[in-house]
């Protein structure tokens, strides 16, 4: 739950759930995110930089008694200002 807690803190900093206040200066909550596309052997074949990235929504953790050998997953939707790649910059 460390990743989920970090996402919730980040989003709560942007818009606090208890009083609907939060950070107003984008430099205080936007970051650059880095995504690497890997081939089947784990080699980097393309890199992306998402400039001014921040979360807009965090999905629920689905709980059930179905498979017990899988980790809990959840989705996070991000927005970003623009994208660069190692083949376009």
PDB file of N, CA and C in Angstrom:
ATOM      1  N   UNK A   1       0.816  -1.206   0.000  1.00  0.00           N
ATOM      2  CA  UNK A   1       0.000   0.000   0.000  1.00  0.00           C
ATOM      3  C   UNK A   1       0.863   1.275   0.000  1.00  0.00           C
ATOM      4  N   UNK A   2       2.178   1.129  -0.008  1.00  0.00           N
ATOM      5  CA  UNK A   2       3.029   2.322  -0.005  1.00  0.00           C
ATOM      6  C   UNK A   2       2.809   3.170  -1.255  1.00  0.00           C
ATOM      7  N   UNK A   3       2.678   2.505  -2.402  1.00  0.00           N
ATOM      8  CA  UNK A   3       2.473   3.255  -3.643  1.00  0.00           C
ATOM      9  C   UNK A   3       1.120   3.956  -3.614  1.00  0.00           C
ATOM     10  N   UNK A   4       0.080   3.242  -3.196  1.00  0.00           N
ATOM     11  CA  UNK A   4      -1.244   3.856  -3.131  1.00  0.00           C
ATOM     12  C   UNK A   4      -1.265   5.024  -2.147  1.00  0.00           C
ATOM     13  N   UNK A   5      -0.656   4.852  -0.975  1.00  0.00           N
ATOM     14  CA  UNK A   5      -0.606   5.940   0.007  1.00  0.00           C
ATOM     15  C   UNK A   5       0.099   7.163  -0.562  1.00  0.00           C
ATOM     16  N   UNK A   6       1.185   6.941  -1.304  1.00  0.00           N
ATOM     17  CA  UNK A   6       1.907   8.061  -1.913  1.00  0.00           C
ATOM     18  C   UNK A   6       1.032   8.769  -2.942  1.00  0.00           C
ATOM     19  N   UNK A   7       0.309   8.015  -3.756  1.00  0.00           N
ATOM     20  CA  UNK A   7      -0.590   8.622  -4.748  1.00  0.00           C
ATOM     21  C   UNK A   7      -1.696   9.428  -4.074  1.00  0.00           C
ATOM     22  N   UNK A   8      -2.258   8.867  -3.004  1.00  0.00           N
ATOM     23  CA  UNK A   8      -3.321   9.577  -2.276  1.00  0.00           C
ATOM     24  C   UNK A   8      -2.792  10.867  -1.644  1.00  0.00           C
ATOM     25  N   UNK A   9      -1.588  10.823  -1.073  1.00  0.00           N
ATOM     26  CA  UNK A   9      -1.010  12.045  -0.491  1.00  0.00           C
ATOM     27  C   UNK A   9      -0.767  13.093  -1.569  1.00  0.00           C
ATOM     28  N   UNK A  10      -0.267  12.662  -2.730  1.00  0.00           N
ATOM     29  CA  UNK A  10      -0.011  13.581  -3.841  1.00  0.00           C
ATOM     30  C   UNK A  10      -1.309  14.235  -4.294  1.00  0.00           C
ATOM     31  N   UNK A  11      -2.328  13.425  -4.524  1.00  0.00           N
ATOM     32  CA  UNK A  11      -3.599  13.981  -4.979  1.00  0.00           C
ATOM     33  C   UNK A  11      -4.256  14.833  -3.896  1.00  0.00           C
ATOM     34  N   UNK A  12      -4.141  14.438  -2.642  1.00  0.00           N
ATOM     35  CA  UNK A  12      -4.720  15.217  -1.557  1.00  0.00           C
ATOM     36  C   UNK A  12      -4.010  16.566  -1.403  1.00  0.00           C
ATOM     37  N   UNK A  13      -2.718  16.622  -1.718  1.00  0.00           N
ATOM     38  CA  UNK A  13      -2.002  17.892  -1.695  1.00  0.00           C
ATOM     39  C   UNK A  13      -2.525  18.856  -2.754  1.00  0.00           C
ATOM     40  N   UNK A  14      -2.940  18.302  -3.893  1.00  0.00           N
ATOM     41  CA  UNK A  14      -3.499  19.135  -4.959  1.00  0.00           C
ATOM     42  C   UNK A  14      -4.871  19.660  -4.566  1.00  0.00           C
ATOM     43  N   UNK A  15      -5.708  18.778  -3.996  1.00  0.00           N
ATOM     44  CA  UNK A  15      -7.042  19.183  -3.553  1.00  0.00           C
ATOM     45  C   UNK A  15      -7.392  18.382  -2.309  1.00  0.00           C
ATOM     46  N   UNK A  16      -7.260  19.017  -1.141  1.00  0.00           N
ATOM     47  CA  UNK A  16      -7.482  18.362   0.136  1.00  0.00           C
ATOM     48  C   UNK A  16      -8.930  17.897   0.251  1.00  0.00           C
ATOM     49  N   UNK A  17      -9.101  16.618   0.590  1.00  0.00           N
ATOM     50  CA  UNK A  17     -10.445  16.048   0.676  1.00  0.00           C
ATOM     51  C   UNK A  17     -11.274  16.625   1.814  1.00  0.00           C
ATOM     52  N   UNK A  18     -10.647  17.074   2.872  1.00  0.00           N
ATOM     53  CA  UNK A  18     -11.413  17.529   4.029  1.00  0.00           C
ATOM     54  C   UNK A  18     -11.911  18.966   3.907  1.00  0.00           C
ATOM     55  N   UNK A  19     -11.142  19.843   3.255  1.00  0.00           N
ATOM     56  CA  UNK A  19     -11.580  21.239   3.182  1.00  0.00           C
ATOM     57  C   UNK A  19     -11.592  21.807   1.767  1.00  0.00           C
ATOM     58  N   UNK A  20     -11.356  20.959   0.770  1.00  0.00           N
ATOM     59  CA  UNK A  20     -11.409  21.366  -0.638  1.00  0.00           C
ATOM     60  C   UNK A  20     -10.436  22.491  -0.961  1.00  0.00           C
ATOM     61  N   UNK A  21      -9.329  22.546  -0.247  1.00  0.00           N
ATOM     62  CA  UNK A  21      -8.270  23.491  -0.539  1.00  0.00           C
ATOM     63  C   UNK A  21      -7.035  22.702  -0.940  1.00  0.00           C
ATOM     64  N   UNK A  22      -6.066  23.375  -1.520  1.00  0.00           N
ATOM     65  CA  UNK A  22      -4.856  22.670  -1.906  1.00  0.00           C
ATOM     66  C   UNK A  22      -3.863  23.586  -2.570  1.00  0.00           C
ATOM     67  N   UNK A  23      -2.886  22.971  -3.198  1.00  0.00           N
ATOM     68  CA  UNK A  23      -1.832  23.718  -3.869  1.00  0.00           C
ATOM     69  C   UNK A  23      -2.389  24.407  -5.111  1.00  0.00           C
ATOM     70  N   UNK A  24      -2.006  25.654  -5.316  1.00  0.00           N
ATOM     71  CA  UNK A  24      -2.504  26.397  -6.473  1.00  0.00           C
ATOM     72  C   UNK A  24      -1.426  26.668  -7.509  1.00  0.00           C
ATOM     73  N   UNK A  25      -0.169  26.588  -7.108  1.00  0.00           N
ATOM     74  CA  UNK A  25       0.927  26.804  -8.035  1.00  0.00           C
ATOM     75  C   UNK A  25       1.344  25.461  -8.637  1.00  0.00           C
ATOM     76  N   UNK A  26       1.194  25.286  -9.956  1.00  0.00           N
ATOM     77  CA  UNK A  26       1.517  23.997 -10.573  1.00  0.00           C
ATOM     78  C   UNK A  26       2.927  23.489 -10.278  1.00  0.00           C
ATOM     79  N   UNK A  27       3.877  24.367 -10.077  1.00  0.00           N
ATOM     80  CA  UNK A  27       5.246  23.921  -9.796  1.00  0.00           C
ATOM     81  C   UNK A  27       5.327  23.163  -8.475  1.00  0.00           C
ATOM     82  N   UNK A  28       4.335  23.355  -7.591  1.00  0.00           N
ATOM     83  CA  UNK A  28       4.324  22.683  -6.301  1.00  0.00           C
ATOM     84  C   UNK A  28       3.798  21.250  -6.376  1.00  0.00           C
ATOM     85  N   UNK A  29       3.071  20.875  -7.446  1.00  0.00           N
ATOM     86  CA  UNK A  29       2.520  19.518  -7.515  1.00  0.00           C
ATOM     87  C   UNK A  29       2.817  18.780  -8.826  1.00  0.00           C
ATOM     88  N   UNK A  30       3.330  19.450  -9.832  1.00  0.00           N
ATOM     89  CA  UNK A  30       3.655  18.774 -11.085  1.00  0.00           C
ATOM     90  C   UNK A  30       5.106  18.297 -11.076  1.00  0.00           C
ATOM     91  N   UNK A  31       5.338  17.128 -11.659  1.00  0.00           N
ATOM     92  CA  UNK A  31       6.687  16.563 -11.758  1.00  0.00           C
ATOM     93  C   UNK A  31       6.905  16.047 -13.174  1.00  0.00           C
ATOM     94  N   UNK A  32       8.132  15.767 -13.502  1.00  0.00           N
ATOM     95  CA  UNK A  32       8.438  15.084 -14.751  1.00  0.00           C
ATOM     96  C   UNK A  32       8.465  13.586 -14.472  1.00  0.00           C
ATOM     97  N   UNK A  33       7.749  12.820 -15.287  1.00  0.00           N
ATOM     98  CA  UNK A  33       7.699  11.365 -15.139  1.00  0.00           C
ATOM     99  C   UNK A  33       8.428  10.728 -16.316  1.00  0.00           C
ATOM    100  N   UNK A  34       9.056   9.612 -16.058  1.00  0.00           N
ATOM    101  CA  UNK A  34       9.849   8.932 -17.079  1.00  0.00           C
ATOM    102  C   UNK A  34       9.288   7.528 -17.299  1.00  0.00           C
ATOM    103  N   UNK A  35       9.050   7.192 -18.561  1.00  0.00           N
ATOM    104  CA  UNK A  35       8.501   5.890 -18.927  1.00  0.00           C
ATOM    105  C   UNK A  35       9.438   5.259 -19.945  1.00  0.00           C
ATOM    106  N   UNK A  36       9.840   4.031 -19.684  1.00  0.00           N
ATOM    107  CA  UNK A  36      10.686   3.285 -20.616  1.00  0.00           C
ATOM    108  C   UNK A  36       9.902   2.114 -21.180  1.00  0.00           C
ATOM    109  N   UNK A  37       9.916   1.987 -22.497  1.00  0.00           N
ATOM    110  CA  UNK A  37       9.298   0.846 -23.154  1.00  0.00           C
ATOM    111  C   UNK A  37      10.385  -0.215 -23.334  1.00  0.00           C
ATOM    112  N   UNK A  38      10.103  -1.423 -22.852  1.00  0.00           N
ATOM    113  CA  UNK A  38      11.087  -2.492 -22.872  1.00  0.00           C
ATOM    114  C   UNK A  38      10.688  -3.581 -23.858  1.00  0.00           C
ATOM    115  N   UNK A  39      11.683  -4.271 -24.389  1.00  0.00           N
ATOM    116  CA  UNK A  39      11.382  -5.431 -25.221  1.00  0.00           C
ATOM    117  C   UNK A  39      11.233  -6.654 -24.313  1.00  0.00           C
ATOM    118  N   UNK A  40      11.041  -7.802 -24.891  1.00  0.00           N
ATOM    119  CA  UNK A  40      10.805  -9.020 -24.101  1.00  0.00           C
ATOM    120  C   UNK A  40      11.986  -9.417 -23.240  1.00  0.00           C
ATOM    121  N   UNK A  41      13.155  -8.948 -23.587  1.00  0.00           N
ATOM    122  CA  UNK A  41      14.353  -9.266 -22.816  1.00  0.00           C
ATOM    123  C   UNK A  41      14.686  -8.205 -21.773  1.00  0.00           C
ATOM    124  N   UNK A  42      13.844  -7.180 -21.649  1.00  0.00           N
ATOM    125  CA  UNK A  42      14.071  -6.131 -20.665  1.00  0.00           C
ATOM    126  C   UNK A  42      14.969  -5.010 -21.146  1.00  0.00           C
ATOM    127  N   UNK A  43      15.261  -4.988 -22.443  1.00  0.00           N
ATOM    128  CA  UNK A  43      16.095  -3.922 -22.998  1.00  0.00           C
ATOM    129  C   UNK A  43      15.235  -2.712 -23.357  1.00  0.00           C
ATOM    130  N   UNK A  44      15.748  -1.539 -23.065  1.00  0.00           N
ATOM    131  CA  UNK A  44      15.030  -0.301 -23.349  1.00  0.00           C
ATOM    132  C   UNK A  44      15.006  -0.054 -24.864  1.00  0.00           C
ATOM    133  N   UNK A  45      13.780   0.077 -25.435  1.00  0.00           N
ATOM    134  CA  UNK A  45      13.687   0.352 -26.871  1.00  0.00           C
ATOM    135  C   UNK A  45      13.160   1.757 -27.157  1.00  0.00           C
ATOM    136  N   UNK A  46      12.556   2.393 -26.168  1.00  0.00           N
ATOM    137  CA  UNK A  46      12.097   3.767 -26.338  1.00  0.00           C
ATOM    138  C   UNK A  46      11.875   4.374 -24.957  1.00  0.00           C
ATOM    139  N   UNK A  47      12.167   5.666 -24.817  1.00  0.00           N
ATOM    140  CA  UNK A  47      11.980   6.377 -23.552  1.00  0.00           C
ATOM    141  C   UNK A  47      11.103   7.591 -23.765  1.00  0.00           C
ATOM    142  N   UNK A  48      10.245   7.849 -22.803  1.00  0.00           N
ATOM    143  CA  UNK A  48       9.357   9.004 -22.835  1.00  0.00           C
ATOM    144  C   UNK A  48       9.556   9.832 -21.573  1.00  0.00           C
ATOM    145  N   UNK A  49       9.434  11.133 -21.696  1.00  0.00           N
ATOM    146  CA  UNK A  49       9.407  12.032 -20.559  1.00  0.00           C
ATOM    147  C   UNK A  49       8.086  12.784 -20.607  1.00  0.00           C
ATOM    148  N   UNK A  50       7.292  12.640 -19.546  1.00  0.00           N
ATOM    149  CA  UNK A  50       6.016  13.350 -19.429  1.00  0.00           C
ATOM    150  C   UNK A  50       6.276  14.584 -18.581  1.00  0.00           C
ATOM    151  N   UNK A  51       6.213  15.742 -19.188  1.00  0.00           N
ATOM    152  CA  UNK A  51       6.524  17.007 -18.500  1.00  0.00           C
ATOM    153  C   UNK A  51       5.285  17.548 -17.791  1.00  0.00           C
ATOM    154  N   UNK A  52       5.454  17.958 -16.556  1.00  0.00           N
ATOM    155  CA  UNK A  52       4.355  18.551 -15.788  1.00  0.00           C
ATOM    156  C   UNK A  52       3.266  17.546 -15.469  1.00  0.00           C
ATOM    157  N   UNK A  53       3.639  16.372 -15.005  1.00  0.00           N
ATOM    158  CA  UNK A  53       2.711  15.269 -14.752  1.00  0.00           C
ATOM    159  C   UNK A  53       2.104  15.367 -13.348  1.00  0.00           C
ATOM    160  N   UNK A  54       0.814  14.987 -13.230  1.00  0.00           N
ATOM    161  CA  UNK A  54       0.148  14.933 -11.931  1.00  0.00           C
ATOM    162  C   UNK A  54      -1.057  14.002 -12.008  1.00  0.00           C
ATOM    163  N   UNK A  55      -1.456  13.374 -10.886  1.00  0.00           N
ATOM    164  CA  UNK A  55      -2.594  12.454 -10.904  1.00  0.00           C
ATOM    165  C   UNK A  55      -3.925  13.204 -10.882  1.00  0.00           C
ATOM    166  N   UNK A  56      -4.893  12.675 -11.626  1.00  0.00           N
ATOM    167  CA  UNK A  56      -6.236  13.269 -11.601  1.00  0.00           C
ATOM    168  C   UNK A  56      -7.255  12.354 -10.940  1.00  0.00           C
ATOM    169  N   UNK A  57      -7.006  11.045 -10.945  1.00  0.00           N
ATOM    170  CA  UNK A  57      -7.906  10.125 -10.250  1.00  0.00           C
ATOM    171  C   UNK A  57      -7.167   8.848  -9.874  1.00  0.00           C
ATOM    172  N   UNK A  58      -7.613   8.259  -8.784  1.00  0.00           N
ATOM    173  CA  UNK A  58      -7.050   7.013  -8.292  1.00  0.00           C
ATOM    174  C   UNK A  58      -8.197   6.020  -8.186  1.00  0.00           C
ATOM    175  N   UNK A  59      -8.049   4.883  -8.843  1.00  0.00           N
ATOM    176  CA  UNK A  59      -9.100   3.875  -8.850  1.00  0.00           C
ATOM    177  C   UNK A  59      -9.174   3.101  -7.542  1.00  0.00           C
ATOM    178  N   UNK A  60     -10.265   2.386  -7.403  1.00  0.00           N
ATOM    179  CA  UNK A  60     -10.492   1.561  -6.221  1.00  0.00           C
ATOM    180  C   UNK A  60      -9.614   0.316  -6.255  1.00  0.00           C
ATOM    181  N   UNK A  61      -9.353  -0.232  -5.076  1.00  0.00           N
ATOM    182  CA  UNK A  61      -8.703  -1.529  -4.968  1.00  0.00           C
ATOM    183  C   UNK A  61      -9.825  -2.550  -4.883  1.00  0.00           C
ATOM    184  N   UNK A  62      -9.949  -3.394  -5.906  1.00  0.00           N
ATOM    185  CA  UNK A  62     -11.004  -4.397  -5.919  1.00  0.00           C
ATOM    186  C   UNK A  62     -10.643  -5.535  -4.982  1.00  0.00           C
ATOM    187  N   UNK A  63     -11.513  -5.795  -4.032  1.00  0.00           N
ATOM    188  CA  UNK A  63     -11.298  -6.863  -3.073  1.00  0.00           C
ATOM    189  C   UNK A  63     -12.302  -7.982  -3.331  1.00  0.00           C
ATOM    190  N   UNK A  64     -11.816  -9.213  -3.352  1.00  0.00           N
ATOM    191  CA  UNK A  64     -12.705 -10.362  -3.540  1.00  0.00           C
ATOM    192  C   UNK A  64     -12.013 -11.598  -2.987  1.00  0.00           C
ATOM    193  N   UNK A  65     -12.764 -12.682  -2.960  1.00  0.00           N
ATOM    194  CA  UNK A  65     -12.209 -13.950  -2.506  1.00  0.00           C
ATOM    195  C   UNK A  65     -11.742 -14.805  -3.679  1.00  0.00           C
ATOM    196  N   UNK A  66     -11.743 -14.234  -4.878  1.00  0.00           N
ATOM    197  CA  UNK A  66     -11.337 -14.969  -6.077  1.00  0.00           C
ATOM    198  C   UNK A  66      -9.878 -15.398  -5.962  1.00  0.00           C
ATOM    199  N   UNK A  67      -9.043 -15.106  -6.903  1.00  0.00           N
ATOM    200  CA  UNK A  67      -7.652 -15.583  -6.802  1.00  0.00           C
ATOM    201  C   UNK A  67      -6.935 -14.981  -5.592  1.00  0.00           C
ATOM    202  N   UNK A  68      -6.300 -15.832  -4.834  1.00  0.00           N
ATOM    203  CA  UNK A  68      -5.570 -15.356  -3.655  1.00  0.00           C
ATOM    204  C   UNK A  68      -4.072 -15.299  -3.901  1.00  0.00           C
ATOM    205  N   UNK A  69      -3.655 -15.596  -5.126  1.00  0.00           N
ATOM    206  CA  UNK A  69      -2.225 -15.595  -5.419  1.00  0.00           C
ATOM    207  C   UNK A  69      -1.802 -14.400  -6.268  1.00  0.00           C
ATOM    208  N   UNK A  70      -2.634 -13.359  -6.308  1.00  0.00           N
ATOM    209  CA  UNK A  70      -2.313 -12.163  -7.094  1.00  0.00           C
ATOM    210  C   UNK A  70      -2.216 -10.962  -6.166  1.00  0.00           C
ATOM    211  N   UNK A  71      -1.475  -9.969  -6.605  1.00  0.00           N
ATOM    212  CA  UNK A  71      -1.347  -8.753  -5.807  1.00  0.00           C
ATOM    213  C   UNK A  71      -2.540  -7.833  -6.072  1.00  0.00           C
ATOM    214  N   UNK A  72      -2.815  -6.968  -5.140  1.00  0.00           N
ATOM    215  CA  UNK A  72      -3.872  -5.983  -5.332  1.00  0.00           C
ATOM    216  C   UNK A  72      -3.399  -4.933  -6.325  1.00  0.00           C
ATOM    217  N   UNK A  73      -4.267  -4.561  -7.239  1.00  0.00           N
ATOM    218  CA  UNK A  73      -3.929  -3.545  -8.231  1.00  0.00           C
ATOM    219  C   UNK A  73      -4.967  -2.432  -8.209  1.00  0.00           C
ATOM    220  N   UNK A  74      -4.568  -1.276  -8.715  1.00  0.00           N
ATOM    221  CA  UNK A  74      -5.475  -0.151  -8.865  1.00  0.00           C
ATOM    222  C   UNK A  74      -4.942   0.726  -9.981  1.00  0.00           C
ATOM    223  N   UNK A  75      -5.815   1.474 -10.610  1.00  0.00           N
ATOM    224  CA  UNK A  75      -5.416   2.365 -11.691  1.00  0.00           C
ATOM    225  C   UNK A  75      -5.231   3.799 -11.215  1.00  0.00           C
ATOM    226  N   UNK A  76      -4.338   4.499 -11.874  1.00  0.00           N
ATOM    227  CA  UNK A  76      -4.140   5.928 -11.616  1.00  0.00           C
ATOM    228  C   UNK A  76      -4.156   6.634 -12.964  1.00  0.00           C
ATOM    229  N   UNK A  77      -4.965   7.683 -13.074  1.00  0.00           N
ATOM    230  CA  UNK A  77      -5.016   8.483 -14.296  1.00  0.00           C
ATOM    231  C   UNK A  77      -4.171   9.732 -14.086  1.00  0.00           C
ATOM    232  N   UNK A  78      -3.278   9.980 -15.039  1.00  0.00           N
ATOM    233  CA  UNK A  78      -2.389  11.137 -14.974  1.00  0.00           C
ATOM    234  C   UNK A  78      -2.707  12.114 -16.098  1.00  0.00           C
ATOM    235  N   UNK A  79      -2.430  13.363 -15.867  1.00  0.00           N
ATOM    236  CA  UNK A  79      -2.422  14.408 -16.895  1.00  0.00           C
ATOM    237  C   UNK A  79      -0.997  14.925 -16.966  1.00  0.00           C
ATOM    238  N   UNK A  80      -0.628  15.466 -18.115  1.00  0.00           N
ATOM    239  CA  UNK A  80       0.691  16.054 -18.256  1.00  0.00           C
ATOM    240  C   UNK A  80       0.623  17.171 -19.285  1.00  0.00           C
ATOM    241  N   UNK A  81       1.592  18.079 -19.225  1.00  0.00           N
ATOM    242  CA  UNK A  81       1.611  19.241 -20.113  1.00  0.00           C
ATOM    243  C   UNK A  81       1.988  18.858 -21.536  1.00  0.00           C
ATOM    244  N   UNK A  82       3.075  18.107 -21.680  1.00  0.00           N
ATOM    245  CA  UNK A  82       3.500  17.630 -22.994  1.00  0.00           C
ATOM    246  C   UNK A  82       4.451  16.465 -22.808  1.00  0.00           C
ATOM    247  N   UNK A  83       4.726  15.775 -23.919  1.00  0.00           N
ATOM    248  CA  UNK A  83       5.536  14.575 -23.876  1.00  0.00           C
ATOM    249  C   UNK A  83       6.725  14.712 -24.816  1.00  0.00           C
ATOM    250  N   UNK A  84       7.855  14.183 -24.406  1.00  0.00           N
ATOM    251  CA  UNK A  84       9.036  14.095 -25.257  1.00  0.00           C
ATOM    252  C   UNK A  84       9.454  12.626 -25.306  1.00  0.00           C
ATOM    253  N   UNK A  85      10.130  12.234 -26.380  1.00  0.00           N
ATOM    254  CA  UNK A  85      10.684  10.889 -26.439  1.00  0.00           C
ATOM    255  C   UNK A  85      12.135  10.958 -26.868  1.00  0.00           C
ATOM    256  N   UNK A  86      12.850   9.874 -26.677  1.00  0.00           N
ATOM    257  CA  UNK A  86      14.266   9.865 -27.028  1.00  0.00           C
ATOM    258  C   UNK A  86      14.469   9.887 -28.540  1.00  0.00           C
ATOM    259  N   UNK A  87      13.418   9.725 -29.328  1.00  0.00           N
ATOM    260  CA  UNK A  87      13.551   9.791 -30.784  1.00  0.00           C
ATOM    261  C   UNK A  87      13.017  11.098 -31.374  1.00  0.00           C
ATOM    262  N   UNK A  88      12.482  11.978 -30.524  1.00  0.00           N
ATOM    263  CA  UNK A  88      11.927  13.230 -31.034  1.00  0.00           C
ATOM    264  C   UNK A  88      12.618  14.481 -30.489  1.00  0.00           C
ATOM    265  N   UNK A  89      13.509  14.314 -29.513  1.00  0.00           N
ATOM    266  CA  UNK A  89      14.151  15.499 -28.934  1.00  0.00           C
ATOM    267  C   UNK A  89      15.569  15.659 -29.424  1.00  0.00           C
TER     268      UNK A  89
END
